[in-house]
Amino acid sequence: MSKKLDLIIGTIIIIYYISINLLFGKITFSEVFFALGVILIIYHYMKNKLRKYFNKKFKSKKIINIGKYCIIAIILFFMIIECAIVIFPKKDNSYSNYVIVLGAGVKGKRPSLTLKQRLDTTIKYINNQDKKPKIIVSGGQGPGEDISEAQAMKKYLVDNGIKEELIIMEKKSTNTNENLLFSKDILENETSKSVSDLDIKIITSDFHAFRSNMIAKKLNYNTVSFYTNNTLPLLVPVMYSRELLAVIKSYLIDIKNNL
């Protein structure tokens, strides 16, 4: 059984890739899962030849052991980041004066599945508040989108009972860093206060909260909390693994640029 573990895992990953794309349409980053499954299956049938090659190429066991330790260190590093993403607080239902809803793609004029979940979470949050906060819907127009994410978000919220006068659109952003940067400008113009003095709720997906907080803190969102939707169980592997790489990218690019 253990000798075929790589073959079994590879097959399961490919079945997972096919399943989520059939059920939910094209899922970004799922191609990586497909590639990983194919690599594991190929590895299963070539691993004996590969072992002989590396044993011949690197006769010193010390070099092989160093390689193994490096792989273990990388895996542990990834596990630490993933744990931080998972355990970050995401369910603060307390009142905040302003809510920022982060965009997540539009299909034509309709919110994508991820964006719809965020909007439904926004409606739930707003309806549970006695005093209604202002809502910034943040997201520009990307490839394949007939309107900006902000426009699609506003329409969805209004169609579902949220008062139009509560909603402010931010229509320029193309990523999370810009979502929060441009929303910061709107907030400071709206209130004539620094964003560091405002109590802000960010509504996004559960897997996205940790990275959003990283960026928000670097942009001086001092009092910020999160209220997120739960990712559908079948999409958890692809969404959380994609987010792991996005966190590293954000730290190296977005956050460094904000310093």
C-alpha atoms as a PDB file:
ATOM      1  CA  MET A   1       0.000   0.000   0.000  1.00  0.00           C
ATOM      2  CA  SER A   2       2.744   2.477   1.007  1.00  0.00           C
ATOM      3  CA  LYS A   3       4.570   1.782  -2.279  1.00  0.00           C
ATOM      4  CA  LYS A   4       1.512   3.020  -4.177  1.00  0.00           C
ATOM      5  CA  LEU A   5       0.736   5.964  -1.898  1.00  0.00           C
ATOM      6  CA  ASP A   6       2.048   8.520  -4.407  1.00  0.00           C
ATOM      7  CA  LEU A   7      -0.075   6.958  -7.159  1.00  0.00           C
ATOM      8  CA  ILE A   8      -3.197   6.974  -4.950  1.00  0.00           C
ATOM      9  CA  ILE A   9      -2.680  10.580  -3.813  1.00  0.00           C
ATOM     10  CA  GLY A  10      -1.992  11.732  -7.373  1.00  0.00           C
ATOM     11  CA  THR A  11      -5.183  10.074  -8.622  1.00  0.00           C
ATOM     12  CA  ILE A  12      -7.252  11.590  -5.789  1.00  0.00           C
ATOM     13  CA  ILE A  13      -5.871  15.064  -6.552  1.00  0.00           C
ATOM     14  CA  ILE A  14      -6.785  14.768 -10.243  1.00  0.00           C
ATOM     15  CA  ILE A  15     -10.300  13.565  -9.356  1.00  0.00           C
ATOM     16  CA  TYR A  16     -10.581  16.544  -6.974  1.00  0.00           C
ATOM     17  CA  TYR A  17      -9.501  18.929  -9.747  1.00  0.00           C
ATOM     18  CA  ILE A  18     -12.092  17.531 -12.162  1.00  0.00           C
ATOM     19  CA  SER A  19     -14.843  17.559  -9.516  1.00  0.00           C
ATOM     20  CA  ILE A  20     -14.514  21.172  -8.386  1.00  0.00           C
ATOM     21  CA  ASN A  21     -14.264  22.486 -11.936  1.00  0.00           C
ATOM     22  CA  LEU A  22     -17.349  20.544 -13.002  1.00  0.00           C
ATOM     23  CA  LEU A  23     -19.340  21.680  -9.965  1.00  0.00           C
ATOM     24  CA  PHE A  24     -18.252  25.318  -9.696  1.00  0.00           C
ATOM     25  CA  GLY A  25     -16.846  26.238 -13.104  1.00  0.00           C
ATOM     26  CA  LYS A  26     -13.221  27.171 -13.652  1.00  0.00           C
ATOM     27  CA  ILE A  27     -11.490  27.582 -10.290  1.00  0.00           C
ATOM     28  CA  THR A  28      -8.345  29.692 -10.301  1.00  0.00           C
ATOM     29  CA  PHE A  29      -5.235  27.834  -9.082  1.00  0.00           C
ATOM     30  CA  SER A  30      -6.893  24.424  -9.471  1.00  0.00           C
ATOM     31  CA  GLU A  31      -4.532  23.818 -12.423  1.00  0.00           C
ATOM     32  CA  VAL A  32      -1.721  23.554  -9.870  1.00  0.00           C
ATOM     33  CA  PHE A  33      -3.558  20.637  -8.246  1.00  0.00           C
ATOM     34  CA  PHE A  34      -3.917  18.940 -11.633  1.00  0.00           C
ATOM     35  CA  ALA A  35      -0.201  19.416 -12.323  1.00  0.00           C
ATOM     36  CA  LEU A  36       0.705  18.073  -8.866  1.00  0.00           C
ATOM     37  CA  GLY A  37      -1.458  14.988  -9.422  1.00  0.00           C
ATOM     38  CA  VAL A  38       0.195  14.319 -12.787  1.00  0.00           C
ATOM     39  CA  ILE A  39       3.672  14.772 -11.282  1.00  0.00           C
ATOM     40  CA  LEU A  40       2.918  12.296  -8.475  1.00  0.00           C
ATOM     41  CA  ILE A  41       1.648   9.690 -10.943  1.00  0.00           C
ATOM     42  CA  ILE A  42       4.700  10.125 -13.191  1.00  0.00           C
ATOM     43  CA  TYR A  43       6.939   9.971 -10.131  1.00  0.00           C
ATOM     44  CA  HIS A  44       5.358   6.680  -9.079  1.00  0.00           C
ATOM     45  CA  TYR A  45       6.434   5.013 -12.308  1.00  0.00           C
ATOM     46  CA  MET A  46       9.873   6.652 -12.432  1.00  0.00           C
ATOM     47  CA  LYS A  47      10.968   6.774  -8.799  1.00  0.00           C
ATOM     48  CA  ASN A  48      13.263   3.718  -8.994  1.00  0.00           C
ATOM     49  CA  LYS A  49      15.129   5.196 -11.954  1.00  0.00           C
ATOM     50  CA  LEU A  50      15.295   8.576 -10.214  1.00  0.00           C
ATOM     51  CA  ARG A  51      16.736   7.016  -7.051  1.00  0.00           C
ATOM     52  CA  LYS A  52      19.436   5.242  -9.039  1.00  0.00           C
ATOM     53  CA  TYR A  53      20.247   8.459 -10.909  1.00  0.00           C
ATOM     54  CA  PHE A  54      20.589  10.590  -7.772  1.00  0.00           C
ATOM     55  CA  ASN A  55      22.559   7.907  -5.922  1.00  0.00           C
ATOM     56  CA  LYS A  56      24.969   7.806  -8.834  1.00  0.00           C
ATOM     57  CA  LYS A  57      25.061  11.598  -9.303  1.00  0.00           C
ATOM     58  CA  PHE A  58      25.450  12.412  -5.626  1.00  0.00           C
ATOM     59  CA  LYS A  59      27.542   9.647  -4.115  1.00  0.00           C
ATOM     60  CA  SER A  60      27.853  11.566  -0.861  1.00  0.00           C
ATOM     61  CA  LYS A  61      24.903  10.861   1.450  1.00  0.00           C
ATOM     62  CA  LYS A  62      25.622  14.190   3.127  1.00  0.00           C
ATOM     63  CA  ILE A  63      24.449  16.103   0.036  1.00  0.00           C
ATOM     64  CA  ILE A  64      21.286  13.982  -0.213  1.00  0.00           C
ATOM     65  CA  ASN A  65      20.543  14.549   3.488  1.00  0.00           C
ATOM     66  CA  ILE A  66      20.998  18.319   3.098  1.00  0.00           C
ATOM     67  CA  GLY A  67      18.449  18.221   0.287  1.00  0.00           C
ATOM     68  CA  LYS A  68      16.008  16.313   2.491  1.00  0.00           C
ATOM     69  CA  TYR A  69      16.430  18.783   5.365  1.00  0.00           C
ATOM     70  CA  CYS A  70      15.837  21.714   3.023  1.00  0.00           C
ATOM     71  CA  ILE A  71      12.594  20.131   1.803  1.00  0.00           C
ATOM     72  CA  ILE A  72      11.467  19.479   5.397  1.00  0.00           C
ATOM     73  CA  ALA A  73      12.282  23.096   6.351  1.00  0.00           C
ATOM     74  CA  ILE A  74      10.234  24.440   3.416  1.00  0.00           C
ATOM     75  CA  ILE A  75       7.281  22.206   4.329  1.00  0.00           C
ATOM     76  CA  LEU A  76       7.411  23.378   7.966  1.00  0.00           C
ATOM     77  CA  PHE A  77       7.575  27.011   6.824  1.00  0.00           C
ATOM     78  CA  PHE A  78       4.477  26.524   4.667  1.00  0.00           C
ATOM     79  CA  MET A  79       2.682  24.752   7.523  1.00  0.00           C
ATOM     80  CA  ILE A  80       3.330  27.668   9.906  1.00  0.00           C
ATOM     81  CA  ILE A  81       1.883  30.178   7.421  1.00  0.00           C
ATOM     82  CA  GLU A  82      -1.128  27.949   6.751  1.00  0.00           C
ATOM     83  CA  CYS A  83      -1.805  27.620  10.482  1.00  0.00           C
ATOM     84  CA  ALA A  84      -1.719  31.415  10.828  1.00  0.00           C
ATOM     85  CA  ILE A  85      -4.256  31.736   7.979  1.00  0.00           C
ATOM     86  CA  VAL A  86      -6.560  29.157   9.566  1.00  0.00           C
ATOM     87  CA  ILE A  87      -6.528  30.399  13.179  1.00  0.00           C
ATOM     88  CA  PHE A  88      -6.694  34.152  12.473  1.00  0.00           C
ATOM     89  CA  PRO A  89      -9.863  35.673  14.113  1.00  0.00           C
ATOM     90  CA  LYS A  90     -12.582  35.998  11.474  1.00  0.00           C
ATOM     91  CA  LYS A  91     -15.965  36.211  13.195  1.00  0.00           C
ATOM     92  CA  ASP A  92     -16.153  39.584  14.972  1.00  0.00           C
ATOM     93  CA  ASN A  93     -19.803  40.615  14.774  1.00  0.00           C
ATOM     94  CA  SER A  94     -19.356  43.800  16.826  1.00  0.00           C
ATOM     95  CA  TYR A  95     -20.485  47.149  15.441  1.00  0.00           C
ATOM     96  CA  SER A  96     -18.080  49.256  13.376  1.00  0.00           C
ATOM     97  CA  ASN A  97     -18.768  52.670  11.870  1.00  0.00           C
ATOM     98  CA  TYR A  98     -17.541  51.642   8.430  1.00  0.00           C
ATOM     99  CA  VAL A  99     -17.563  48.357   6.564  1.00  0.00           C
ATOM    100  CA  ILE A 100     -15.269  47.552   3.650  1.00  0.00           C
ATOM    101  CA  VAL A 101     -16.344  44.662   1.428  1.00  0.00           C
ATOM    102  CA  LEU A 102     -13.440  43.336  -0.629  1.00  0.00           C
ATOM    103  CA  GLY A 103     -14.116  42.426  -4.260  1.00  0.00           C
ATOM    104  CA  ALA A 104     -13.568  38.966  -5.708  1.00  0.00           C
ATOM    105  CA  GLY A 105     -14.429  38.873  -9.399  1.00  0.00           C
ATOM    106  CA  VAL A 106     -17.526  39.326 -11.536  1.00  0.00           C
ATOM    107  CA  LYS A 107     -18.778  37.040 -14.295  1.00  0.00           C
ATOM    108  CA  GLY A 108     -20.248  39.429 -16.839  1.00  0.00           C
ATOM    109  CA  LYS A 109     -22.424  41.493 -14.511  1.00  0.00           C
ATOM    110  CA  ARG A 110     -23.001  38.881 -11.821  1.00  0.00           C
ATOM    111  CA  PRO A 111     -20.907  38.372  -8.689  1.00  0.00           C
ATOM    112  CA  SER A 112     -18.728  35.260  -8.751  1.00  0.00           C
ATOM    113  CA  LEU A 113     -19.398  32.540  -6.175  1.00  0.00           C
ATOM    114  CA  THR A 114     -16.736  33.921  -3.831  1.00  0.00           C
ATOM    115  CA  LEU A 115     -18.015  37.477  -4.156  1.00  0.00           C
ATOM    116  CA  LYS A 116     -21.633  36.399  -3.664  1.00  0.00           C
ATOM    117  CA  GLN A 117     -20.655  34.695  -0.401  1.00  0.00           C
ATOM    118  CA  ARG A 118     -18.971  37.885   0.782  1.00  0.00           C
ATOM    119  CA  LEU A 119     -22.041  39.937  -0.111  1.00  0.00           C
ATOM    120  CA  ASP A 120     -24.414  37.527   1.633  1.00  0.00           C
ATOM    121  CA  THR A 121     -22.177  37.803   4.704  1.00  0.00           C
ATOM    122  CA  THR A 122     -22.357  41.605   4.430  1.00  0.00           C
ATOM    123  CA  ILE A 123     -26.165  41.492   4.327  1.00  0.00           C
ATOM    124  CA  LYS A 124     -26.202  39.228   7.376  1.00  0.00           C
ATOM    125  CA  TYR A 125     -23.863  41.552   9.264  1.00  0.00           C
ATOM    126  CA  ILE A 126     -25.757  44.749   8.367  1.00  0.00           C
ATOM    127  CA  ASN A 127     -29.146  43.248   9.235  1.00  0.00           C
ATOM    128  CA  ASN A 128     -27.827  42.255  12.672  1.00  0.00           C
ATOM    129  CA  GLN A 129     -26.801  45.833  13.535  1.00  0.00           C
ATOM    130  CA  ASP A 130     -29.225  48.241  15.216  1.00  0.00           C
ATOM    131  CA  LYS A 131     -27.309  51.203  13.835  1.00  0.00           C
ATOM    132  CA  LYS A 132     -26.413  50.857  10.150  1.00  0.00           C
ATOM    133  CA  PRO A 133     -22.787  51.557   9.182  1.00  0.00           C
ATOM    134  CA  LYS A 134     -21.605  53.004   5.878  1.00  0.00           C
ATOM    135  CA  ILE A 135     -20.436  50.325   3.408  1.00  0.00           C
ATOM    136  CA  ILE A 136     -17.556  50.690   0.966  1.00  0.00           C
ATOM    137  CA  VAL A 137     -17.762  48.116  -1.826  1.00  0.00           C
ATOM    138  CA  SER A 138     -14.289  47.854  -3.287  1.00  0.00           C
ATOM    139  CA  GLY A 139     -13.294  46.435  -6.675  1.00  0.00           C
ATOM    140  CA  GLY A 140     -12.504  47.641 -10.183  1.00  0.00           C
ATOM    141  CA  GLN A 141     -13.299  46.134 -13.579  1.00  0.00           C
ATOM    142  CA  GLY A 142     -11.075  43.326 -14.809  1.00  0.00           C
ATOM    143  CA  PRO A 143     -10.881  41.070 -17.894  1.00  0.00           C
ATOM    144  CA  GLY A 144     -14.192  39.324 -18.636  1.00  0.00           C
ATOM    145  CA  GLU A 145     -16.127  41.709 -16.405  1.00  0.00           C
ATOM    146  CA  ASP A 146     -18.811  43.871 -18.056  1.00  0.00           C
ATOM    147  CA  ILE A 147     -18.985  46.212 -15.062  1.00  0.00           C
ATOM    148  CA  SER A 148     -16.779  46.949 -12.076  1.00  0.00           C
ATOM    149  CA  GLU A 149     -16.946  44.665  -9.067  1.00  0.00           C
ATOM    150  CA  ALA A 150     -18.103  47.653  -7.009  1.00  0.00           C
ATOM    151  CA  GLN A 151     -21.089  48.221  -9.318  1.00  0.00           C
ATOM    152  CA  ALA A 152     -22.055  44.544  -9.212  1.00  0.00           C
ATOM    153  CA  MET A 153     -21.693  44.523  -5.436  1.00  0.00           C
ATOM    154  CA  LYS A 154     -23.819  47.631  -4.957  1.00  0.00           C
ATOM    155  CA  LYS A 155     -26.587  46.262  -7.184  1.00  0.00           C
ATOM    156  CA  TYR A 156     -26.609  42.928  -5.332  1.00  0.00           C
ATOM    157  CA  LEU A 157     -26.801  44.625  -1.935  1.00  0.00           C
ATOM    158  CA  VAL A 158     -29.557  47.030  -2.997  1.00  0.00           C
ATOM    159  CA  ASP A 159     -31.534  44.177  -4.615  1.00  0.00           C
ATOM    160  CA  ASN A 160     -31.332  42.377  -1.288  1.00  0.00           C
ATOM    161  CA  GLY A 161     -32.657  45.184   0.857  1.00  0.00           C
ATOM    162  CA  ILE A 162     -29.606  47.285   1.762  1.00  0.00           C
ATOM    163  CA  LYS A 163     -30.312  51.021   1.476  1.00  0.00           C
ATOM    164  CA  GLU A 164     -28.497  52.622  -1.445  1.00  0.00           C
ATOM    165  CA  GLU A 165     -27.482  55.686   0.577  1.00  0.00           C
ATOM    166  CA  LEU A 166     -25.379  53.475   2.848  1.00  0.00           C
ATOM    167  CA  ILE A 167     -23.165  52.302  -0.018  1.00  0.00           C
ATOM    168  CA  ILE A 168     -20.017  53.982  -1.308  1.00  0.00           C
ATOM    169  CA  MET A 169     -18.310  52.560  -4.409  1.00  0.00           C
ATOM    170  CA  GLU A 170     -14.544  52.237  -4.884  1.00  0.00           C
ATOM    171  CA  LYS A 171     -14.133  51.289  -8.560  1.00  0.00           C
ATOM    172  CA  LYS A 172     -10.388  51.496  -9.284  1.00  0.00           C
ATOM    173  CA  SER A 173      -8.732  48.684  -7.342  1.00  0.00           C
ATOM    174  CA  THR A 174      -7.351  45.524  -8.939  1.00  0.00           C
ATOM    175  CA  ASN A 175      -6.043  43.652  -5.876  1.00  0.00           C
ATOM    176  CA  THR A 176      -6.331  43.513  -2.085  1.00  0.00           C
ATOM    177  CA  ASN A 177      -3.609  46.094  -1.531  1.00  0.00           C
ATOM    178  CA  GLU A 178      -5.417  48.574  -3.778  1.00  0.00           C
ATOM    179  CA  ASN A 179      -8.799  47.673  -2.229  1.00  0.00           C
ATOM    180  CA  LEU A 180      -7.561  48.852   1.130  1.00  0.00           C
ATOM    181  CA  LEU A 181      -5.400  51.708  -0.142  1.00  0.00           C
ATOM    182  CA  PHE A 182      -8.155  53.331  -2.223  1.00  0.00           C
ATOM    183  CA  SER A 183     -10.780  52.651   0.455  1.00  0.00           C
ATOM    184  CA  LYS A 184      -8.482  54.401   2.918  1.00  0.00           C
ATOM    185  CA  ASP A 185      -8.537  57.504   0.699  1.00  0.00           C
ATOM    186  CA  ILE A 186     -12.343  57.415   0.562  1.00  0.00           C
ATOM    187  CA  LEU A 187     -12.634  57.019   4.335  1.00  0.00           C
ATOM    188  CA  GLU A 188     -10.272  59.877   5.083  1.00  0.00           C
ATOM    189  CA  ASN A 189     -12.039  62.173   2.611  1.00  0.00           C
ATOM    190  CA  GLU A 190     -15.442  61.136   3.954  1.00  0.00           C
ATOM    191  CA  THR A 191     -14.605  61.669   7.630  1.00  0.00           C
ATOM    192  CA  SER A 192     -11.730  64.197   7.548  1.00  0.00           C
ATOM    193  CA  LYS A 193      -9.967  61.834   9.931  1.00  0.00           C
ATOM    194  CA  SER A 194      -6.978  59.555   9.638  1.00  0.00           C
ATOM    195  CA  VAL A 195      -7.890  55.926   8.991  1.00  0.00           C
ATOM    196  CA  SER A 196      -5.905  55.105  12.134  1.00  0.00           C
ATOM    197  CA  ASP A 197      -8.645  56.813  14.172  1.00  0.00           C
ATOM    198  CA  LEU A 198     -11.565  54.958  12.591  1.00  0.00           C
ATOM    199  CA  ASP A 199     -13.245  51.713  13.656  1.00  0.00           C
ATOM    200  CA  ILE A 200     -13.478  49.574  10.524  1.00  0.00           C
ATOM    201  CA  LYS A 201     -14.926  46.158   9.747  1.00  0.00           C
ATOM    202  CA  ILE A 202     -13.542  44.258   6.760  1.00  0.00           C
ATOM    203  CA  ILE A 203     -15.789  41.649   5.184  1.00  0.00           C
ATOM    204  CA  THR A 204     -14.107  39.042   3.027  1.00  0.00           C
ATOM    205  CA  SER A 205     -13.604  35.273   2.747  1.00  0.00           C
ATOM    206  CA  ASP A 206     -12.267  33.317   5.739  1.00  0.00           C
ATOM    207  CA  PHE A 207      -9.057  32.311   3.938  1.00  0.00           C
ATOM    208  CA  HIS A 208      -8.448  35.949   2.933  1.00  0.00           C
ATOM    209  CA  ALA A 209      -8.661  37.599   6.365  1.00  0.00           C
ATOM    210  CA  PHE A 210      -5.082  37.010   7.538  1.00  0.00           C
ATOM    211  CA  ARG A 211      -3.509  38.565   4.420  1.00  0.00           C
ATOM    212  CA  SER A 212      -6.011  41.428   4.421  1.00  0.00           C
ATOM    213  CA  ASN A 213      -5.057  42.189   8.016  1.00  0.00           C
ATOM    214  CA  MET A 214      -1.346  42.175   7.140  1.00  0.00           C
ATOM    215  CA  ILE A 215      -1.920  44.784   4.445  1.00  0.00           C
ATOM    216  CA  ALA A 216      -4.409  46.821   6.511  1.00  0.00           C
ATOM    217  CA  LYS A 217      -1.967  47.174   9.407  1.00  0.00           C
ATOM    218  CA  LYS A 218       0.751  48.463   7.085  1.00  0.00           C
ATOM    219  CA  LEU A 219      -1.736  51.038   5.760  1.00  0.00           C
ATOM    220  CA  ASN A 220      -2.426  52.244   9.338  1.00  0.00           C
ATOM    221  CA  TYR A 221      -5.835  50.631   9.827  1.00  0.00           C
ATOM    222  CA  ASN A 222      -5.229  50.517  13.576  1.00  0.00           C
ATOM    223  CA  THR A 223      -8.732  49.508  14.662  1.00  0.00           C
ATOM    224  CA  VAL A 224      -9.836  46.858  12.224  1.00  0.00           C
ATOM    225  CA  SER A 225     -11.745  43.595  12.664  1.00  0.00           C
ATOM    226  CA  PHE A 226     -13.067  40.922  10.335  1.00  0.00           C
ATOM    227  CA  TYR A 227     -16.380  39.249   9.658  1.00  0.00           C
ATOM    228  CA  THR A 228     -16.051  36.534   7.036  1.00  0.00           C
ATOM    229  CA  ASN A 229     -18.000  33.858   5.211  1.00  0.00           C
ATOM    230  CA  ASN A 230     -17.121  30.188   5.475  1.00  0.00           C
ATOM    231  CA  THR A 231     -15.541  28.701   2.359  1.00  0.00           C
ATOM    232  CA  LEU A 232     -17.467  25.742   0.952  1.00  0.00           C
ATOM    233  CA  PRO A 233     -15.801  22.561   2.314  1.00  0.00           C
ATOM    234  CA  LEU A 234     -15.008  21.176  -1.139  1.00  0.00           C
ATOM    235  CA  LEU A 235     -13.149  24.375  -2.046  1.00  0.00           C
ATOM    236  CA  VAL A 236     -11.120  24.619   1.167  1.00  0.00           C
ATOM    237  CA  PRO A 237      -8.002  22.783  -0.179  1.00  0.00           C
ATOM    238  CA  VAL A 238      -7.621  24.928  -3.299  1.00  0.00           C
ATOM    239  CA  MET A 239      -8.552  28.257  -1.664  1.00  0.00           C
ATOM    240  CA  TYR A 240      -6.338  27.864   1.388  1.00  0.00           C
ATOM    241  CA  SER A 241      -3.333  26.535  -0.546  1.00  0.00           C
ATOM    242  CA  ARG A 242      -3.617  29.383  -3.070  1.00  0.00           C
ATOM    243  CA  GLU A 243      -3.833  31.873  -0.222  1.00  0.00           C
ATOM    244  CA  LEU A 244      -0.614  30.523   1.290  1.00  0.00           C
ATOM    245  CA  LEU A 245       1.312  31.621  -1.804  1.00  0.00           C
ATOM    246  CA  ALA A 246      -0.616  34.902  -1.917  1.00  0.00           C
ATOM    247  CA  VAL A 247       0.475  35.688   1.656  1.00  0.00           C
ATOM    248  CA  ILE A 248       4.132  35.223   0.701  1.00  0.00           C
ATOM    249  CA  LYS A 249       3.650  37.367  -2.416  1.00  0.00           C
ATOM    250  CA  SER A 250       1.898  40.097  -0.417  1.00  0.00           C
ATOM    251  CA  TYR A 251       4.673  40.194   2.166  1.00  0.00           C
ATOM    252  CA  LEU A 252       7.390  40.440  -0.470  1.00  0.00           C
ATOM    253  CA  ILE A 253       5.631  42.923  -2.766  1.00  0.00           C
ATOM    254  CA  ASP A 254       2.560  44.709  -1.348  1.00  0.00           C
ATOM    255  CA  ILE A 255       3.721  45.183   2.234  1.00  0.00           C
ATOM    256  CA  LYS A 256       7.311  46.053   1.343  1.00  0.00           C
ATOM    257  CA  ASN A 257       6.010  48.723  -1.032  1.00  0.00           C
ATOM    258  CA  ASN A 258       3.836  50.195   1.733  1.00  0.00           C
ATOM    259  CA  LEU A 259       6.682  50.515   4.221  1.00  0.00           C
END
